[in-house]
Amino acid sequence: MYKPKNHKERVSHRLKIAKGHLEKVITMVDDNAYCIDVLHQSQAIQKALKEIDNLILEHHLATCAVKAIKEGKHTQAITEVMNVFKRKDV
């Protein structure tokens, strides 16, 4: 079993898995699969992407945000992260 070594590899690995699932859903739609089955797979992809977002955010907080705070840019660091959660178009 593949075991990613660092953050970048972990994110890339998870994205490739999600891509494979998305390709499967596209095939299901093209093959007229049962709608509920397609919805279940779509929800699984959305959950996987949310977990990837959480992994990226955790890494950002542990690295970039910490660095900015140490450099006295705490307001900018907080605003940047909060803006991610305030986006309405996602």
PDB file of N, CA and C in Angstrom:
ATOM      1  N   MET A   1       0.841  -1.190   0.000  1.00  0.00           N
ATOM      2  CA  MET A   1       0.000   0.000   0.000  1.00  0.00           C
ATOM      3  C   MET A   1       0.881   1.246   0.000  1.00  0.00           C
ATOM      4  N   TYR A   2       0.531   2.199  -0.850  1.00  0.00           N
ATOM      5  CA  TYR A   2       1.292   3.443  -0.966  1.00  0.00           C
ATOM      6  C   TYR A   2       1.089   4.291   0.278  1.00  0.00           C
ATOM      7  N   LYS A   3       2.177   4.782   0.832  1.00  0.00           N
ATOM      8  CA  LYS A   3       2.126   5.635   2.018  1.00  0.00           C
ATOM      9  C   LYS A   3       2.825   6.958   1.688  1.00  0.00           C
ATOM     10  N   PRO A   4       2.048   8.045   1.453  1.00  0.00           N
ATOM     11  CA  PRO A   4       2.659   9.333   1.134  1.00  0.00           C
ATOM     12  C   PRO A   4       3.601   9.795   2.251  1.00  0.00           C
ATOM     13  N   LYS A   5       4.700  10.436   1.843  1.00  0.00           N
ATOM     14  CA  LYS A   5       5.736  10.813   2.798  1.00  0.00           C
ATOM     15  C   LYS A   5       5.557  12.201   3.382  1.00  0.00           C
ATOM     16  N   ASN A   6       5.029  13.130   2.611  1.00  0.00           N
ATOM     17  CA  ASN A   6       4.921  14.500   3.105  1.00  0.00           C
ATOM     18  C   ASN A   6       3.573  15.094   2.705  1.00  0.00           C
ATOM     19  N   HIS A   7       3.365  16.331   3.113  1.00  0.00           N
ATOM     20  CA  HIS A   7       2.087  16.995   2.873  1.00  0.00           C
ATOM     21  C   HIS A   7       1.735  17.028   1.384  1.00  0.00           C
ATOM     22  N   LYS A   8       2.661  17.454   0.560  1.00  0.00           N
ATOM     23  CA  LYS A   8       2.398  17.575  -0.874  1.00  0.00           C
ATOM     24  C   LYS A   8       2.020  16.226  -1.470  1.00  0.00           C
ATOM     25  N   GLU A   9       2.734  15.184  -1.102  1.00  0.00           N
ATOM     26  CA  GLU A   9       2.416  13.844  -1.607  1.00  0.00           C
ATOM     27  C   GLU A   9       1.048  13.380  -1.112  1.00  0.00           C
ATOM     28  N   ARG A  10       0.723  13.691   0.148  1.00  0.00           N
ATOM     29  CA  ARG A  10      -0.583  13.296   0.696  1.00  0.00           C
ATOM     30  C   ARG A  10      -1.718  13.962  -0.077  1.00  0.00           C
ATOM     31  N   VAL A  11      -1.587  15.271  -0.306  1.00  0.00           N
ATOM     32  CA  VAL A  11      -2.630  15.998  -1.033  1.00  0.00           C
ATOM     33  C   VAL A  11      -2.733  15.484  -2.462  1.00  0.00           C
ATOM     34  N   SER A  12      -1.601  15.343  -3.129  1.00  0.00           N
ATOM     35  CA  SER A  12      -1.593  14.860  -4.504  1.00  0.00           C
ATOM     36  C   SER A  12      -2.215  13.465  -4.607  1.00  0.00           C
ATOM     37  N   HIS A  13      -1.858  12.595  -3.675  1.00  0.00           N
ATOM     38  CA  HIS A  13      -2.398  11.231  -3.662  1.00  0.00           C
ATOM     39  C   HIS A  13      -3.917  11.251  -3.497  1.00  0.00           C
ATOM     40  N   ARG A  14      -4.409  12.047  -2.572  1.00  0.00           N
ATOM     41  CA  ARG A  14      -5.853  12.118  -2.347  1.00  0.00           C
ATOM     42  C   ARG A  14      -6.579  12.726  -3.542  1.00  0.00           C
ATOM     43  N   LEU A  15      -5.965  13.727  -4.182  1.00  0.00           N
ATOM     44  CA  LEU A  15      -6.579  14.327  -5.360  1.00  0.00           C
ATOM     45  C   LEU A  15      -6.670  13.319  -6.506  1.00  0.00           C
ATOM     46  N   LYS A  16      -5.648  12.512  -6.666  1.00  0.00           N
ATOM     47  CA  LYS A  16      -5.673  11.495  -7.720  1.00  0.00           C
ATOM     48  C   LYS A  16      -6.759  10.459  -7.449  1.00  0.00           C
ATOM     49  N   ILE A  17      -6.951  10.110  -6.193  1.00  0.00           N
ATOM     50  CA  ILE A  17      -8.030   9.181  -5.843  1.00  0.00           C
ATOM     51  C   ILE A  17      -9.378   9.807  -6.171  1.00  0.00           C
ATOM     52  N   ALA A  18      -9.566  11.076  -5.789  1.00  0.00           N
ATOM     53  CA  ALA A  18     -10.827  11.774  -6.069  1.00  0.00           C
ATOM     54  C   ALA A  18     -11.055  11.872  -7.582  1.00  0.00           C
ATOM     55  N   LYS A  19      -9.988  12.124  -8.333  1.00  0.00           N
ATOM     56  CA  LYS A  19     -10.087  12.194  -9.794  1.00  0.00           C
ATOM     57  C   LYS A  19     -10.575  10.861 -10.360  1.00  0.00           C
ATOM     58  N   GLY A  20     -10.044   9.770  -9.838  1.00  0.00           N
ATOM     59  CA  GLY A  20     -10.480   8.451 -10.283  1.00  0.00           C
ATOM     60  C   GLY A  20     -11.949   8.227  -9.995  1.00  0.00           C
ATOM     61  N   HIS A  21     -12.400   8.654  -8.825  1.00  0.00           N
ATOM     62  CA  HIS A  21     -13.816   8.512  -8.478  1.00  0.00           C
ATOM     63  C   HIS A  21     -14.680   9.378  -9.385  1.00  0.00           C
ATOM     64  N   LEU A  22     -14.209  10.594  -9.682  1.00  0.00           N
ATOM     65  CA  LEU A  22     -14.969  11.475 -10.569  1.00  0.00           C
ATOM     66  C   LEU A  22     -15.084  10.870 -11.962  1.00  0.00           C
ATOM     67  N   GLU A  23     -13.996  10.297 -12.456  1.00  0.00           N
ATOM     68  CA  GLU A  23     -14.052   9.641 -13.769  1.00  0.00           C
ATOM     69  C   GLU A  23     -15.057   8.499 -13.759  1.00  0.00           C
ATOM     70  N   LYS A  24     -15.140   7.789 -12.649  1.00  0.00           N
ATOM     71  CA  LYS A  24     -16.116   6.696 -12.517  1.00  0.00           C
ATOM     72  C   LYS A  24     -17.541   7.248 -12.558  1.00  0.00           C
ATOM     73  N   VAL A  25     -17.774   8.377 -11.895  1.00  0.00           N
ATOM     74  CA  VAL A  25     -19.112   8.974 -11.898  1.00  0.00           C
ATOM     75  C   VAL A  25     -19.484   9.433 -13.304  1.00  0.00           C
ATOM     76  N   ILE A  26     -18.528   9.999 -14.012  1.00  0.00           N
ATOM     77  CA  ILE A  26     -18.794  10.406 -15.405  1.00  0.00           C
ATOM     78  C   ILE A  26     -19.201   9.196 -16.233  1.00  0.00           C
ATOM     79  N   THR A  27     -18.498   8.097 -16.053  1.00  0.00           N
ATOM     80  CA  THR A  27     -18.842   6.864 -16.762  1.00  0.00           C
ATOM     81  C   THR A  27     -20.243   6.390 -16.359  1.00  0.00           C
ATOM     82  N   MET A  28     -20.554   6.477 -15.077  1.00  0.00           N
ATOM     83  CA  MET A  28     -21.883   6.075 -14.610  1.00  0.00           C
ATOM     84  C   MET A  28     -22.967   6.905 -15.291  1.00  0.00           C
ATOM     85  N   VAL A  29     -22.753   8.214 -15.397  1.00  0.00           N
ATOM     86  CA  VAL A  29     -23.736   9.089 -16.054  1.00  0.00           C
ATOM     87  C   VAL A  29     -23.851   8.724 -17.527  1.00  0.00           C
ATOM     88  N   ASP A  30     -22.711   8.541 -18.180  1.00  0.00           N
ATOM     89  CA  ASP A  30     -22.715   8.180 -19.603  1.00  0.00           C
ATOM     90  C   ASP A  30     -23.420   6.848 -19.842  1.00  0.00           C
ATOM     91  N   ASP A  31     -23.335   5.939 -18.855  1.00  0.00           N
ATOM     92  CA  ASP A  31     -23.945   4.617 -18.971  1.00  0.00           C
ATOM     93  C   ASP A  31     -25.368   4.572 -18.416  1.00  0.00           C
ATOM     94  N   ASN A  32     -25.908   5.740 -18.076  1.00  0.00           N
ATOM     95  CA  ASN A  32     -27.269   5.838 -17.527  1.00  0.00           C
ATOM     96  C   ASN A  32     -27.447   5.013 -16.254  1.00  0.00           C
ATOM     97  N   ALA A  33     -26.485   5.076 -15.373  1.00  0.00           N
ATOM     98  CA  ALA A  33     -26.588   4.364 -14.094  1.00  0.00           C
ATOM     99  C   ALA A  33     -27.738   4.940 -13.281  1.00  0.00           C
ATOM    100  N   TYR A  34     -28.173   4.161 -12.331  1.00  0.00           N
ATOM    101  CA  TYR A  34     -29.268   4.556 -11.446  1.00  0.00           C
ATOM    102  C   TYR A  34     -28.908   5.857 -10.736  1.00  0.00           C
ATOM    103  N   CYS A  35     -29.813   6.830 -10.780  1.00  0.00           N
ATOM    104  CA  CYS A  35     -29.551   8.185 -10.271  1.00  0.00           C
ATOM    105  C   CYS A  35     -29.068   8.194  -8.822  1.00  0.00           C
ATOM    106  N   ILE A  36     -29.682   7.393  -7.992  1.00  0.00           N
ATOM    107  CA  ILE A  36     -29.305   7.365  -6.573  1.00  0.00           C
ATOM    108  C   ILE A  36     -27.873   6.861  -6.410  1.00  0.00           C
ATOM    109  N   ASP A  37     -27.476   5.903  -7.227  1.00  0.00           N
ATOM    110  CA  ASP A  37     -26.093   5.418  -7.177  1.00  0.00           C
ATOM    111  C   ASP A  37     -25.115   6.526  -7.576  1.00  0.00           C
ATOM    112  N   VAL A  38     -25.490   7.298  -8.592  1.00  0.00           N
ATOM    113  CA  VAL A  38     -24.646   8.415  -9.025  1.00  0.00           C
ATOM    114  C   VAL A  38     -24.556   9.450  -7.905  1.00  0.00           C
ATOM    115  N   LEU A  39     -25.677   9.758  -7.279  1.00  0.00           N
ATOM    116  CA  LEU A  39     -25.682  10.720  -6.175  1.00  0.00           C
ATOM    117  C   LEU A  39     -24.794  10.264  -5.021  1.00  0.00           C
ATOM    118  N   HIS A  40     -24.853   8.998  -4.684  1.00  0.00           N
ATOM    119  CA  HIS A  40     -24.007   8.480  -3.596  1.00  0.00           C
ATOM    120  C   HIS A  40     -22.527   8.652  -3.938  1.00  0.00           C
ATOM    121  N   GLN A  41     -22.181   8.355  -5.164  1.00  0.00           N
ATOM    122  CA  GLN A  41     -20.784   8.505  -5.578  1.00  0.00           C
ATOM    123  C   GLN A  41     -20.371   9.973  -5.609  1.00  0.00           C
ATOM    124  N   SER A  42     -21.264  10.834  -6.055  1.00  0.00           N
ATOM    125  CA  SER A  42     -20.992  12.267  -6.083  1.00  0.00           C
ATOM    126  C   SER A  42     -20.770  12.802  -4.662  1.00  0.00           C
ATOM    127  N   GLN A  43     -21.603  12.355  -3.738  1.00  0.00           N
ATOM    128  CA  GLN A  43     -21.442  12.774  -2.345  1.00  0.00           C
ATOM    129  C   GLN A  43     -20.117  12.290  -1.775  1.00  0.00           C
ATOM    130  N   ALA A  44     -19.708  11.103  -2.151  1.00  0.00           N
ATOM    131  CA  ALA A  44     -18.424  10.571  -1.678  1.00  0.00           C
ATOM    132  C   ALA A  44     -17.270  11.424  -2.200  1.00  0.00           C
ATOM    133  N   ILE A  45     -17.368  11.873  -3.442  1.00  0.00           N
ATOM    134  CA  ILE A  45     -16.334  12.744  -4.014  1.00  0.00           C
ATOM    135  C   ILE A  45     -16.303  14.074  -3.272  1.00  0.00           C
ATOM    136  N   GLN A  46     -17.470  14.630  -3.013  1.00  0.00           N
ATOM    137  CA  GLN A  46     -17.530  15.904  -2.295  1.00  0.00           C
ATOM    138  C   GLN A  46     -16.914  15.780  -0.897  1.00  0.00           C
ATOM    139  N   LYS A  47     -17.179  14.679  -0.231  1.00  0.00           N
ATOM    140  CA  LYS A  47     -16.597  14.448   1.092  1.00  0.00           C
ATOM    141  C   LYS A  47     -15.069  14.334   0.992  1.00  0.00           C
ATOM    142  N   ALA A  48     -14.605  13.630  -0.016  1.00  0.00           N
ATOM    143  CA  ALA A  48     -13.157  13.477  -0.211  1.00  0.00           C
ATOM    144  C   ALA A  48     -12.503  14.830  -0.464  1.00  0.00           C
ATOM    145  N   LEU A  49     -13.136  15.669  -1.278  1.00  0.00           N
ATOM    146  CA  LEU A  49     -12.590  16.999  -1.554  1.00  0.00           C
ATOM    147  C   LEU A  49     -12.586  17.865  -0.302  1.00  0.00           C
ATOM    148  N   LYS A  50     -13.609  17.742   0.516  1.00  0.00           N
ATOM    149  CA  LYS A  50     -13.660  18.498   1.778  1.00  0.00           C
ATOM    150  C   LYS A  50     -12.511  18.066   2.693  1.00  0.00           C
ATOM    151  N   GLU A  51     -12.232  16.785   2.728  1.00  0.00           N
ATOM    152  CA  GLU A  51     -11.122  16.290   3.544  1.00  0.00           C
ATOM    153  C   GLU A  51      -9.787  16.804   3.009  1.00  0.00           C
ATOM    154  N   ILE A  52      -9.675  16.917   1.691  1.00  0.00           N
ATOM    155  CA  ILE A  52      -8.465  17.480   1.089  1.00  0.00           C
ATOM    156  C   ILE A  52      -8.344  18.952   1.481  1.00  0.00           C
ATOM    157  N   ASP A  53      -9.453  19.687   1.424  1.00  0.00           N
ATOM    158  CA  ASP A  53      -9.440  21.086   1.857  1.00  0.00           C
ATOM    159  C   ASP A  53      -8.969  21.209   3.297  1.00  0.00           C
ATOM    160  N   ASN A  54      -9.464  20.332   4.154  1.00  0.00           N
ATOM    161  CA  ASN A  54      -9.068  20.368   5.561  1.00  0.00           C
ATOM    162  C   ASN A  54      -7.576  20.096   5.730  1.00  0.00           C
ATOM    163  N   LEU A  55      -7.057  19.174   4.965  1.00  0.00           N
ATOM    164  CA  LEU A  55      -5.631  18.859   5.014  1.00  0.00           C
ATOM    165  C   LEU A  55      -4.794  20.062   4.571  1.00  0.00           C
ATOM    166  N   ILE A  56      -5.225  20.720   3.502  1.00  0.00           N
ATOM    167  CA  ILE A  56      -4.513  21.910   3.006  1.00  0.00           C
ATOM    168  C   ILE A  56      -4.591  23.037   4.031  1.00  0.00           C
ATOM    169  N   LEU A  57      -5.775  23.252   4.606  1.00  0.00           N
ATOM    170  CA  LEU A  57      -5.934  24.309   5.610  1.00  0.00           C
ATOM    171  C   LEU A  57      -5.071  24.038   6.833  1.00  0.00           C
ATOM    172  N   GLU A  58      -5.057  22.816   7.295  1.00  0.00           N
ATOM    173  CA  GLU A  58      -4.241  22.458   8.454  1.00  0.00           C
ATOM    174  C   GLU A  58      -2.761  22.758   8.179  1.00  0.00           C
ATOM    175  N   HIS A  59      -2.312  22.395   6.991  1.00  0.00           N
ATOM    176  CA  HIS A  59      -0.916  22.661   6.616  1.00  0.00           C
ATOM    177  C   HIS A  59      -0.650  24.164   6.553  1.00  0.00           C
ATOM    178  N   HIS A  60      -1.583  24.911   5.985  1.00  0.00           N
ATOM    179  CA  HIS A  60      -1.427  26.363   5.892  1.00  0.00           C
ATOM    180  C   HIS A  60      -1.321  26.990   7.281  1.00  0.00           C
ATOM    181  N   LEU A  61      -2.191  26.564   8.179  1.00  0.00           N
ATOM    182  CA  LEU A  61      -2.171  27.116   9.539  1.00  0.00           C
ATOM    183  C   LEU A  61      -0.865  26.784  10.247  1.00  0.00           C
ATOM    184  N   ALA A  62      -0.367  25.575  10.035  1.00  0.00           N
ATOM    185  CA  ALA A  62       0.849  25.133  10.716  1.00  0.00           C
ATOM    186  C   ALA A  62       2.122  25.744  10.122  1.00  0.00           C
ATOM    187  N   THR A  63       2.028  26.250   8.904  1.00  0.00           N
ATOM    188  CA  THR A  63       3.239  26.768   8.250  1.00  0.00           C
ATOM    189  C   THR A  63       3.097  28.259   7.940  1.00  0.00           C
ATOM    190  N   CYS A  64       2.366  28.587   6.907  1.00  0.00           N
ATOM    191  CA  CYS A  64       2.259  29.966   6.423  1.00  0.00           C
ATOM    192  C   CYS A  64       1.665  30.910   7.469  1.00  0.00           C
ATOM    193  N   ALA A  65       0.566  30.496   8.099  1.00  0.00           N
ATOM    194  CA  ALA A  65      -0.082  31.371   9.084  1.00  0.00           C
ATOM    195  C   ALA A  65       0.818  31.582  10.293  1.00  0.00           C
ATOM    196  N   VAL A  66       1.456  30.530  10.754  1.00  0.00           N
ATOM    197  CA  VAL A  66       2.369  30.662  11.902  1.00  0.00           C
ATOM    198  C   VAL A  66       3.505  31.618  11.562  1.00  0.00           C
ATOM    199  N   LYS A  67       4.049  31.478  10.362  1.00  0.00           N
ATOM    200  CA  LYS A  67       5.141  32.364   9.933  1.00  0.00           C
ATOM    201  C   LYS A  67       4.670  33.813   9.901  1.00  0.00           C
ATOM    202  N   ALA A  68       3.495  34.055   9.325  1.00  0.00           N
ATOM    203  CA  ALA A  68       2.962  35.421   9.252  1.00  0.00           C
ATOM    204  C   ALA A  68       2.748  36.005  10.644  1.00  0.00           C
ATOM    205  N   ILE A  69       2.228  35.203  11.543  1.00  0.00           N
ATOM    206  CA  ILE A  69       1.991  35.674  12.915  1.00  0.00           C
ATOM    207  C   ILE A  69       3.308  36.021  13.590  1.00  0.00           C
ATOM    208  N   LYS A  70       4.303  35.187  13.404  1.00  0.00           N
ATOM    209  CA  LYS A  70       5.621  35.455  13.991  1.00  0.00           C
ATOM    210  C   LYS A  70       6.235  36.731  13.422  1.00  0.00           C
ATOM    211  N   GLU A  71       5.881  37.050  12.187  1.00  0.00           N
ATOM    212  CA  GLU A  71       6.398  38.256  11.535  1.00  0.00           C
ATOM    213  C   GLU A  71       5.547  39.485  11.859  1.00  0.00           C
ATOM    214  N   GLY A  72       4.565  39.323  12.756  1.00  0.00           N
ATOM    215  CA  GLY A  72       3.718  40.445  13.155  1.00  0.00           C
ATOM    216  C   GLY A  72       2.562  40.724  12.214  1.00  0.00           C
ATOM    217  N   LYS A  73       2.279  39.803  11.316  1.00  0.00           N
ATOM    218  CA  LYS A  73       1.199  39.990  10.336  1.00  0.00           C
ATOM    219  C   LYS A  73      -0.030  39.172  10.738  1.00  0.00           C
ATOM    220  N   HIS A  74      -0.342  39.163  12.021  1.00  0.00           N
ATOM    221  CA  HIS A  74      -1.429  38.310  12.503  1.00  0.00           C
ATOM    222  C   HIS A  74      -2.792  38.704  11.937  1.00  0.00           C
ATOM    223  N   THR A  75      -3.070  39.994  11.801  1.00  0.00           N
ATOM    224  CA  THR A  75      -4.363  40.420  11.267  1.00  0.00           C
ATOM    225  C   THR A  75      -4.532  39.946   9.834  1.00  0.00           C
ATOM    226  N   GLN A  76      -3.491  40.090   9.035  1.00  0.00           N
ATOM    227  CA  GLN A  76      -3.528  39.635   7.642  1.00  0.00           C
ATOM    228  C   GLN A  76      -3.736  38.122   7.573  1.00  0.00           C
ATOM    229  N   ALA A  77      -3.029  37.381   8.429  1.00  0.00           N
ATOM    230  CA  ALA A  77      -3.147  35.918   8.422  1.00  0.00           C
ATOM    231  C   ALA A  77      -4.554  35.475   8.793  1.00  0.00           C
ATOM    232  N   ILE A  78      -5.127  36.104   9.799  1.00  0.00           N
ATOM    233  CA  ILE A  78      -6.479  35.751  10.241  1.00  0.00           C
ATOM    234  C   ILE A  78      -7.501  36.111   9.163  1.00  0.00           C
ATOM    235  N   THR A  79      -7.372  37.302   8.599  1.00  0.00           N
ATOM    236  CA  THR A  79      -8.302  37.748   7.550  1.00  0.00           C
ATOM    237  C   THR A  79      -8.274  36.809   6.358  1.00  0.00           C
ATOM    238  N   GLU A  80      -7.077  36.413   5.965  1.00  0.00           N
ATOM    239  CA  GLU A  80      -6.935  35.518   4.820  1.00  0.00           C
ATOM    240  C   GLU A  80      -7.682  34.203   5.037  1.00  0.00           C
ATOM    241  N   VAL A  81      -7.518  33.621   6.204  1.00  0.00           N
ATOM    242  CA  VAL A  81      -8.194  32.351   6.503  1.00  0.00           C
ATOM    243  C   VAL A  81      -9.700  32.557   6.620  1.00  0.00           C
ATOM    244  N   MET A  82     -10.112  33.616   7.279  1.00  0.00           N
ATOM    245  CA  MET A  82     -11.546  33.866   7.437  1.00  0.00           C
ATOM    246  C   MET A  82     -12.228  34.095   6.090  1.00  0.00           C
ATOM    247  N   ASN A  83     -11.532  34.729   5.163  1.00  0.00           N
ATOM    248  CA  ASN A  83     -12.115  34.960   3.834  1.00  0.00           C
ATOM    249  C   ASN A  83     -12.410  33.660   3.096  1.00  0.00           C
ATOM    250  N   VAL A  84     -11.642  32.637   3.383  1.00  0.00           N
ATOM    251  CA  VAL A  84     -11.919  31.326   2.787  1.00  0.00           C
ATOM    252  C   VAL A  84     -13.303  30.848   3.215  1.00  0.00           C
ATOM    253  N   PHE A  85     -13.629  31.052   4.482  1.00  0.00           N
ATOM    254  CA  PHE A  85     -14.905  30.572   5.003  1.00  0.00           C
ATOM    255  C   PHE A  85     -16.064  31.497   4.680  1.00  0.00           C
ATOM    256  N   LYS A  86     -15.784  32.734   4.325  1.00  0.00           N
ATOM    257  CA  LYS A  86     -16.827  33.698   4.010  1.00  0.00           C
ATOM    258  C   LYS A  86     -17.245  33.672   2.542  1.00  0.00           C
ATOM    259  N   ARG A  87     -16.519  32.928   1.726  1.00  0.00           N
ATOM    260  CA  ARG A  87     -16.857  32.887   0.299  1.00  0.00           C
ATOM    261  C   ARG A  87     -18.261  32.355   0.107  1.00  0.00           C
ATOM    262  N   LYS A  88     -19.027  33.082  -0.657  1.00  0.00           N
ATOM    263  CA  LYS A  88     -20.435  32.727  -0.891  1.00  0.00           C
ATOM    264  C   LYS A  88     -20.633  31.952  -2.187  1.00  0.00           C
ATOM    265  N   ASP A  89     -19.671  32.042  -3.088  1.00  0.00           N
ATOM    266  CA  ASP A  89     -19.861  31.446  -4.414  1.00  0.00           C
ATOM    267  C   ASP A  89     -19.392  30.009  -4.506  1.00  0.00           C
ATOM    268  N   VAL A  90     -19.081  29.411  -3.395  1.00  0.00           N
ATOM    269  CA  VAL A  90     -18.592  28.028  -3.435  1.00  0.00           C
ATOM    270  C   VAL A  90     -19.661  27.089  -2.944  1.00  0.00           C
TER     271      VAL A  90
END
